[in-house]
Amino acid sequence: MRNLKKIIYIDDQTDILLIAEYALTKIGKYDALMCESGVEALAEIDDYKPDLILIDVMMPELSGPETLTKIREKALFKATPAIFITAKIFQSEVAELMSCNSHVIGVIPKPFDPTTVSATIQSVWDSSFSKYNQESLS
């Protein structure tokens, strides 16, 4: 199983980015890069090379799914796992997000609890690799 160390989080709401940065770096002990837009993330991701992409769904200019599609156009990030963080948590919306792009491993509802979000992310990460390993053994 790959270790989760570097996370890029893309969200247009500065206050959420500040809370997430604290939660990811201080509580979760991850190396985290915060981006305020899909455009900024596309400019930063090549140098940062994250293990995981966390991304808001509803953003101006480029939505989360649109940003993820553009990230997937870069060969290095075709298979980088992604988790959407969103207020869109109806079952049909979650199912649509999970199927909208390859390697989407989860959806975390907003608002998230900053004291537990790192553990939630780690749990989604761990279960996605367990599932992958079980499928590859079949």
N, C-alpha and C. Protein backbone atom coordinates (compact mmCIF):
# COMPACT_ATOMS: atom_id res chain seq x y z
N MET A 1 0.84 -1.18 0.00
CA MET A 1 0.00 0.00 0.00
C MET A 1 0.89 1.24 0.00
N ARG A 2 0.53 2.20 -0.84
CA ARG A 2 1.23 3.48 -0.89
C ARG A 2 0.89 4.31 0.34
N ASN A 3 1.88 4.98 0.89
CA ASN A 3 1.64 5.89 2.00
C ASN A 3 1.08 7.20 1.49
N LEU A 4 0.16 7.76 2.25
CA LEU A 4 -0.41 9.07 1.93
C LEU A 4 0.40 10.13 2.65
N LYS A 5 1.08 10.98 1.89
CA LYS A 5 1.90 12.03 2.48
C LYS A 5 1.52 13.42 1.98
N LYS A 6 1.32 13.55 0.67
CA LYS A 6 1.11 14.88 0.07
C LYS A 6 -0.31 15.00 -0.50
N ILE A 7 -1.01 16.04 -0.05
CA ILE A 7 -2.39 16.28 -0.47
C ILE A 7 -2.51 17.68 -1.05
N ILE A 8 -3.17 17.78 -2.20
CA ILE A 8 -3.54 19.09 -2.73
C ILE A 8 -5.04 19.25 -2.46
N TYR A 9 -5.43 20.39 -1.90
CA TYR A 9 -6.85 20.65 -1.64
C TYR A 9 -7.25 21.89 -2.42
N ILE A 10 -8.30 21.74 -3.22
CA ILE A 10 -8.76 22.81 -4.11
C ILE A 10 -10.16 23.21 -3.68
N ASP A 11 -10.31 24.48 -3.27
CA ASP A 11 -11.61 24.99 -2.81
C ASP A 11 -11.59 26.51 -2.96
N ASP A 12 -12.66 27.07 -3.44
CA ASP A 12 -12.72 28.52 -3.67
C ASP A 12 -13.03 29.31 -2.40
N GLN A 13 -13.34 28.65 -1.30
CA GLN A 13 -13.67 29.36 -0.06
C GLN A 13 -12.44 29.41 0.85
N THR A 14 -11.90 30.62 1.00
CA THR A 14 -10.66 30.82 1.76
C THR A 14 -10.78 30.33 3.20
N ASP A 15 -11.92 30.57 3.85
CA ASP A 15 -12.07 30.14 5.24
C ASP A 15 -12.01 28.62 5.36
N ILE A 16 -12.58 27.91 4.41
CA ILE A 16 -12.52 26.44 4.43
C ILE A 16 -11.09 25.97 4.19
N LEU A 17 -10.38 26.64 3.29
CA LEU A 17 -8.98 26.28 3.04
C LEU A 17 -8.13 26.45 4.31
N LEU A 18 -8.37 27.52 5.05
CA LEU A 18 -7.62 27.74 6.29
C LEU A 18 -7.89 26.65 7.32
N ILE A 19 -9.15 26.28 7.46
CA ILE A 19 -9.52 25.21 8.40
C ILE A 19 -8.93 23.89 7.93
N ALA A 20 -9.05 23.61 6.63
CA ALA A 20 -8.52 22.36 6.08
C ALA A 20 -7.00 22.29 6.22
N GLU A 21 -6.34 23.41 5.99
CA GLU A 21 -4.88 23.42 6.12
C GLU A 21 -4.46 23.04 7.53
N TYR A 22 -5.13 23.62 8.51
CA TYR A 22 -4.83 23.30 9.90
C TYR A 22 -5.12 21.81 10.17
N ALA A 23 -6.29 21.35 9.73
CA ALA A 23 -6.68 19.96 9.98
C ALA A 23 -5.72 18.98 9.32
N LEU A 24 -5.32 19.27 8.10
CA LEU A 24 -4.45 18.34 7.37
C LEU A 24 -3.01 18.36 7.86
N THR A 25 -2.48 19.56 8.13
CA THR A 25 -1.07 19.66 8.49
C THR A 25 -0.80 19.46 9.98
N LYS A 26 -1.62 20.05 10.82
CA LYS A 26 -1.39 19.98 12.27
C LYS A 26 -1.96 18.71 12.90
N ILE A 27 -3.18 18.35 12.49
CA ILE A 27 -3.81 17.16 13.07
C ILE A 27 -3.40 15.91 12.29
N GLY A 28 -3.51 15.96 10.98
CA GLY A 28 -3.21 14.79 10.16
C GLY A 28 -1.74 14.58 9.85
N LYS A 29 -0.94 15.63 10.05
CA LYS A 29 0.52 15.56 9.79
C LYS A 29 0.85 15.30 8.32
N TYR A 30 -0.03 15.75 7.42
CA TYR A 30 0.24 15.64 5.99
C TYR A 30 0.95 16.89 5.49
N ASP A 31 1.63 16.77 4.39
CA ASP A 31 2.13 17.92 3.64
C ASP A 31 0.96 18.31 2.74
N ALA A 32 0.46 19.54 2.87
CA ALA A 32 -0.74 19.93 2.13
C ALA A 32 -0.53 21.25 1.39
N LEU A 33 -0.99 21.27 0.15
CA LEU A 33 -0.97 22.48 -0.67
C LEU A 33 -2.41 22.92 -0.87
N MET A 34 -2.70 24.17 -0.54
CA MET A 34 -4.04 24.72 -0.67
C MET A 34 -4.12 25.57 -1.94
N CYS A 35 -5.15 25.35 -2.75
CA CYS A 35 -5.36 26.13 -3.97
C CYS A 35 -6.78 26.68 -3.98
N GLU A 36 -6.92 27.96 -4.35
CA GLU A 36 -8.22 28.63 -4.32
C GLU A 36 -9.02 28.47 -5.60
N SER A 37 -8.49 27.77 -6.59
CA SER A 37 -9.24 27.57 -7.84
C SER A 37 -8.65 26.41 -8.62
N GLY A 38 -9.44 25.93 -9.56
CA GLY A 38 -8.93 24.91 -10.46
C GLY A 38 -7.77 25.41 -11.28
N VAL A 39 -7.83 26.66 -11.70
CA VAL A 39 -6.75 27.26 -12.49
C VAL A 39 -5.44 27.27 -11.69
N GLU A 40 -5.52 27.68 -10.42
CA GLU A 40 -4.33 27.69 -9.57
C GLU A 40 -3.80 26.27 -9.38
N ALA A 41 -4.68 25.32 -9.15
CA ALA A 41 -4.25 23.93 -8.96
C ALA A 41 -3.54 23.40 -10.20
N LEU A 42 -4.08 23.70 -11.38
CA LEU A 42 -3.45 23.25 -12.62
C LEU A 42 -2.06 23.84 -12.79
N ALA A 43 -1.86 25.05 -12.30
CA ALA A 43 -0.55 25.69 -12.39
C ALA A 43 0.44 25.12 -11.37
N GLU A 44 -0.04 24.62 -10.25
CA GLU A 44 0.82 24.17 -9.15
C GLU A 44 1.07 22.66 -9.12
N ILE A 45 0.16 21.88 -9.66
CA ILE A 45 0.18 20.43 -9.44
C ILE A 45 1.42 19.74 -10.00
N ASP A 46 1.94 20.18 -11.13
CA ASP A 46 3.12 19.53 -11.73
C ASP A 46 4.32 19.55 -10.80
N ASP A 47 4.54 20.67 -10.14
CA ASP A 47 5.68 20.78 -9.22
C ASP A 47 5.41 20.08 -7.89
N TYR A 48 4.17 20.07 -7.46
CA TYR A 48 3.83 19.52 -6.14
C TYR A 48 3.75 17.99 -6.13
N LYS A 49 3.21 17.41 -7.17
CA LYS A 49 3.08 15.95 -7.30
C LYS A 49 2.40 15.29 -6.08
N PRO A 50 1.10 15.58 -5.89
CA PRO A 50 0.41 15.05 -4.71
C PRO A 50 0.13 13.55 -4.82
N ASP A 51 -0.04 12.92 -3.66
CA ASP A 51 -0.50 11.54 -3.60
C ASP A 51 -2.02 11.48 -3.74
N LEU A 52 -2.69 12.57 -3.31
CA LEU A 52 -4.15 12.62 -3.27
C LEU A 52 -4.62 14.01 -3.66
N ILE A 53 -5.74 14.05 -4.39
CA ILE A 53 -6.39 15.31 -4.76
C ILE A 53 -7.70 15.41 -3.99
N LEU A 54 -7.83 16.44 -3.15
CA LEU A 54 -9.10 16.78 -2.50
C LEU A 54 -9.67 17.95 -3.26
N ILE A 55 -10.95 17.88 -3.60
CA ILE A 55 -11.47 18.94 -4.46
C ILE A 55 -12.93 19.23 -4.19
N ASP A 56 -13.24 20.51 -4.07
CA ASP A 56 -14.61 20.98 -3.93
C ASP A 56 -15.33 20.78 -5.26
N VAL A 57 -16.62 20.60 -5.22
CA VAL A 57 -17.39 20.38 -6.46
C VAL A 57 -17.80 21.71 -7.10
N MET A 58 -18.40 22.59 -6.30
CA MET A 58 -18.96 23.83 -6.85
C MET A 58 -17.96 24.98 -6.68
N MET A 59 -17.33 25.33 -7.81
CA MET A 59 -16.37 26.44 -7.82
C MET A 59 -16.62 27.25 -9.10
N PRO A 60 -16.34 28.55 -9.04
CA PRO A 60 -16.49 29.36 -10.25
C PRO A 60 -15.37 29.05 -11.25
N GLU A 61 -15.55 29.44 -12.45
CA GLU A 61 -14.59 29.26 -13.55
C GLU A 61 -14.48 27.80 -13.96
N LEU A 62 -13.87 26.96 -13.13
CA LEU A 62 -13.80 25.52 -13.38
C LEU A 62 -14.40 24.80 -12.17
N SER A 63 -15.42 23.99 -12.40
CA SER A 63 -15.99 23.21 -11.29
C SER A 63 -14.99 22.14 -10.87
N GLY A 64 -15.27 21.47 -9.77
CA GLY A 64 -14.41 20.39 -9.32
C GLY A 64 -14.27 19.28 -10.38
N PRO A 65 -15.40 18.77 -10.91
CA PRO A 65 -15.28 17.74 -11.95
C PRO A 65 -14.52 18.23 -13.19
N GLU A 66 -14.73 19.48 -13.58
CA GLU A 66 -14.00 20.01 -14.75
C GLU A 66 -12.50 20.11 -14.44
N THR A 67 -12.18 20.57 -13.24
CA THR A 67 -10.77 20.67 -12.84
C THR A 67 -10.13 19.28 -12.83
N LEU A 68 -10.83 18.32 -12.27
CA LEU A 68 -10.28 16.96 -12.21
C LEU A 68 -10.07 16.39 -13.61
N THR A 69 -10.98 16.66 -14.52
CA THR A 69 -10.82 16.21 -15.90
C THR A 69 -9.56 16.80 -16.51
N LYS A 70 -9.31 18.08 -16.27
CA LYS A 70 -8.11 18.73 -16.81
C LYS A 70 -6.84 18.17 -16.14
N ILE A 71 -6.92 17.87 -14.85
CA ILE A 71 -5.78 17.27 -14.16
C ILE A 71 -5.48 15.90 -14.77
N ARG A 72 -6.53 15.14 -15.08
CA ARG A 72 -6.37 13.80 -15.65
C ARG A 72 -5.75 13.83 -17.04
N GLU A 73 -5.79 14.97 -17.71
CA GLU A 73 -5.16 15.09 -19.03
C GLU A 73 -3.63 15.08 -18.92
N LYS A 74 -3.13 15.32 -17.73
CA LYS A 74 -1.68 15.28 -17.49
C LYS A 74 -1.31 13.83 -17.18
N ALA A 75 -0.41 13.26 -17.94
CA ALA A 75 -0.07 11.83 -17.82
C ALA A 75 0.29 11.43 -16.39
N LEU A 76 1.01 12.27 -15.70
CA LEU A 76 1.47 11.95 -14.35
C LEU A 76 0.32 11.77 -13.36
N PHE A 77 -0.84 12.38 -13.65
CA PHE A 77 -1.94 12.38 -12.69
C PHE A 77 -3.17 11.61 -13.15
N LYS A 78 -3.03 10.80 -14.19
CA LYS A 78 -4.17 10.02 -14.70
C LYS A 78 -4.76 9.10 -13.64
N ALA A 79 -3.92 8.57 -12.76
CA ALA A 79 -4.38 7.61 -11.76
C ALA A 79 -4.25 8.11 -10.32
N THR A 80 -3.99 9.39 -10.13
CA THR A 80 -3.89 9.92 -8.76
C THR A 80 -5.27 9.88 -8.12
N PRO A 81 -5.40 9.23 -6.97
CA PRO A 81 -6.71 9.16 -6.31
C PRO A 81 -7.24 10.56 -5.97
N ALA A 82 -8.57 10.69 -6.04
CA ALA A 82 -9.22 11.96 -5.73
C ALA A 82 -10.41 11.72 -4.81
N ILE A 83 -10.66 12.69 -3.94
CA ILE A 83 -11.83 12.69 -3.08
C ILE A 83 -12.52 14.04 -3.25
N PHE A 84 -13.81 14.01 -3.55
CA PHE A 84 -14.58 15.25 -3.61
C PHE A 84 -15.02 15.61 -2.20
N ILE A 85 -14.97 16.90 -1.88
CA ILE A 85 -15.50 17.43 -0.62
C ILE A 85 -16.59 18.41 -1.02
N THR A 86 -17.82 18.12 -0.59
CA THR A 86 -18.95 18.88 -1.14
C THR A 86 -20.17 18.88 -0.22
N ALA A 87 -21.00 19.88 -0.41
CA ALA A 87 -22.29 19.93 0.28
C ALA A 87 -23.32 19.10 -0.49
N LYS A 88 -22.98 18.65 -1.69
CA LYS A 88 -23.89 17.82 -2.50
C LYS A 88 -23.78 16.38 -2.03
N ILE A 89 -24.65 16.01 -1.08
CA ILE A 89 -24.49 14.69 -0.47
C ILE A 89 -25.70 13.77 -0.65
N PHE A 90 -26.63 14.12 -1.53
CA PHE A 90 -27.71 13.18 -1.82
C PHE A 90 -27.10 11.97 -2.51
N GLN A 91 -27.68 10.82 -2.28
CA GLN A 91 -27.12 9.57 -2.79
C GLN A 91 -26.89 9.63 -4.31
N SER A 92 -27.83 10.21 -5.04
CA SER A 92 -27.68 10.29 -6.50
C SER A 92 -26.51 11.20 -6.88
N GLU A 93 -26.31 12.28 -6.12
CA GLU A 93 -25.19 13.19 -6.40
C GLU A 93 -23.85 12.51 -6.09
N VAL A 94 -23.79 11.79 -4.98
CA VAL A 94 -22.57 11.08 -4.61
C VAL A 94 -22.24 10.03 -5.67
N ALA A 95 -23.26 9.29 -6.11
CA ALA A 95 -23.04 8.26 -7.14
C ALA A 95 -22.52 8.89 -8.43
N GLU A 96 -23.07 10.04 -8.78
CA GLU A 96 -22.62 10.73 -10.00
C GLU A 96 -21.16 11.19 -9.86
N LEU A 97 -20.80 11.72 -8.70
CA LEU A 97 -19.42 12.16 -8.48
C LEU A 97 -18.45 10.98 -8.51
N MET A 98 -18.86 9.87 -7.91
CA MET A 98 -17.99 8.69 -7.87
C MET A 98 -17.75 8.12 -9.27
N SER A 99 -18.70 8.35 -10.17
CA SER A 99 -18.55 7.77 -11.51
C SER A 99 -18.11 8.78 -12.56
N CYS A 100 -17.98 10.04 -12.17
CA CYS A 100 -17.70 11.09 -13.17
C CYS A 100 -16.26 11.08 -13.66
N ASN A 101 -15.38 10.44 -12.95
CA ASN A 101 -13.98 10.50 -13.31
C ASN A 101 -13.27 9.28 -12.73
N SER A 102 -12.27 8.82 -13.39
CA SER A 102 -11.58 7.63 -12.89
C SER A 102 -10.79 7.96 -11.62
N HIS A 103 -10.67 6.97 -10.79
CA HIS A 103 -9.89 7.04 -9.55
C HIS A 103 -10.45 8.02 -8.52
N VAL A 104 -11.77 8.27 -8.57
CA VAL A 104 -12.41 9.00 -7.48
C VAL A 104 -12.70 7.94 -6.42
N ILE A 105 -12.10 8.11 -5.25
CA ILE A 105 -12.19 7.07 -4.22
C ILE A 105 -13.17 7.40 -3.10
N GLY A 106 -13.74 8.62 -3.12
CA GLY A 106 -14.69 8.95 -2.07
C GLY A 106 -15.26 10.34 -2.19
N VAL A 107 -16.29 10.57 -1.37
CA VAL A 107 -16.93 11.88 -1.27
C VAL A 107 -17.10 12.16 0.22
N ILE A 108 -16.60 13.31 0.66
CA ILE A 108 -16.71 13.72 2.05
C ILE A 108 -17.67 14.91 2.11
N PRO A 109 -18.69 14.84 2.98
CA PRO A 109 -19.65 15.94 3.04
C PRO A 109 -19.11 17.17 3.75
N LYS A 110 -19.57 18.33 3.26
CA LYS A 110 -19.32 19.61 3.92
C LYS A 110 -20.58 19.95 4.69
N PRO A 111 -20.47 20.61 5.80
CA PRO A 111 -19.21 20.97 6.44
C PRO A 111 -18.59 19.73 7.07
N PHE A 112 -17.26 19.69 7.05
CA PHE A 112 -16.55 18.57 7.66
C PHE A 112 -16.05 18.98 9.03
N ASP A 113 -15.82 17.99 9.87
CA ASP A 113 -15.30 18.23 11.21
C ASP A 113 -13.77 18.30 11.11
N PRO A 114 -13.16 19.45 11.39
CA PRO A 114 -11.71 19.56 11.25
C PRO A 114 -10.93 18.62 12.17
N THR A 115 -11.55 18.18 13.26
CA THR A 115 -10.83 17.29 14.17
C THR A 115 -10.80 15.84 13.68
N THR A 116 -11.69 15.50 12.76
CA THR A 116 -11.75 14.11 12.29
C THR A 116 -11.53 13.95 10.78
N VAL A 117 -11.46 15.05 10.03
CA VAL A 117 -11.39 14.92 8.57
C VAL A 117 -10.12 14.21 8.11
N SER A 118 -9.00 14.40 8.77
CA SER A 118 -7.78 13.71 8.38
C SER A 118 -7.93 12.19 8.56
N ALA A 119 -8.56 11.77 9.66
CA ALA A 119 -8.79 10.35 9.88
C ALA A 119 -9.76 9.80 8.84
N THR A 120 -10.76 10.58 8.47
CA THR A 120 -11.70 10.16 7.43
C THR A 120 -10.99 9.98 6.10
N ILE A 121 -10.15 10.93 5.75
CA ILE A 121 -9.39 10.85 4.50
C ILE A 121 -8.49 9.62 4.51
N GLN A 122 -7.80 9.39 5.63
CA GLN A 122 -6.92 8.23 5.73
C GLN A 122 -7.71 6.94 5.60
N SER A 123 -8.89 6.89 6.20
CA SER A 123 -9.74 5.70 6.12
C SER A 123 -10.19 5.43 4.68
N VAL A 124 -10.60 6.48 3.97
CA VAL A 124 -11.00 6.33 2.56
C VAL A 124 -9.80 5.85 1.75
N TRP A 125 -8.64 6.45 1.99
CA TRP A 125 -7.40 6.07 1.31
C TRP A 125 -7.09 4.58 1.54
N ASP A 126 -7.10 4.17 2.81
CA ASP A 126 -6.78 2.79 3.16
C ASP A 126 -7.78 1.81 2.54
N SER A 127 -9.07 2.13 2.61
CA SER A 127 -10.07 1.20 2.08
C SER A 127 -10.00 1.12 0.56
N SER A 128 -9.61 2.20 -0.10
CA SER A 128 -9.51 2.14 -1.57
C SER A 128 -8.36 1.23 -1.99
N PHE A 129 -7.28 1.23 -1.23
CA PHE A 129 -6.17 0.35 -1.57
C PHE A 129 -6.47 -1.09 -1.19
N SER A 130 -7.22 -1.31 -0.11
CA SER A 130 -7.64 -2.67 0.26
C SER A 130 -8.54 -3.24 -0.83
N LYS A 131 -9.48 -2.42 -1.28
CA LYS A 131 -10.41 -2.84 -2.34
C LYS A 131 -9.63 -3.16 -3.62
N TYR A 132 -8.69 -2.31 -3.98
CA TYR A 132 -7.88 -2.53 -5.18
C TYR A 132 -7.10 -3.84 -5.06
N ASN A 133 -6.49 -4.08 -3.90
CA ASN A 133 -5.72 -5.30 -3.69
C ASN A 133 -6.60 -6.55 -3.77
N GLN A 134 -7.83 -6.47 -3.21
CA GLN A 134 -8.75 -7.61 -3.28
C GLN A 134 -9.16 -7.88 -4.72
N GLU A 135 -9.44 -6.82 -5.48
CA GLU A 135 -9.84 -6.98 -6.88
C GLU A 135 -8.72 -7.56 -7.71
N SER A 136 -7.48 -7.17 -7.43
CA SER A 136 -6.35 -7.66 -8.23
C SER A 136 -6.05 -9.12 -7.90
N LEU A 137 -6.48 -9.61 -6.73
CA LEU A 137 -6.28 -11.00 -6.36
C LEU A 137 -7.33 -11.91 -6.98
N SER A 138 -8.46 -11.35 -7.39
CA SER A 138 -9.57 -12.15 -7.93
C SER A 138 -9.26 -12.66 -9.32
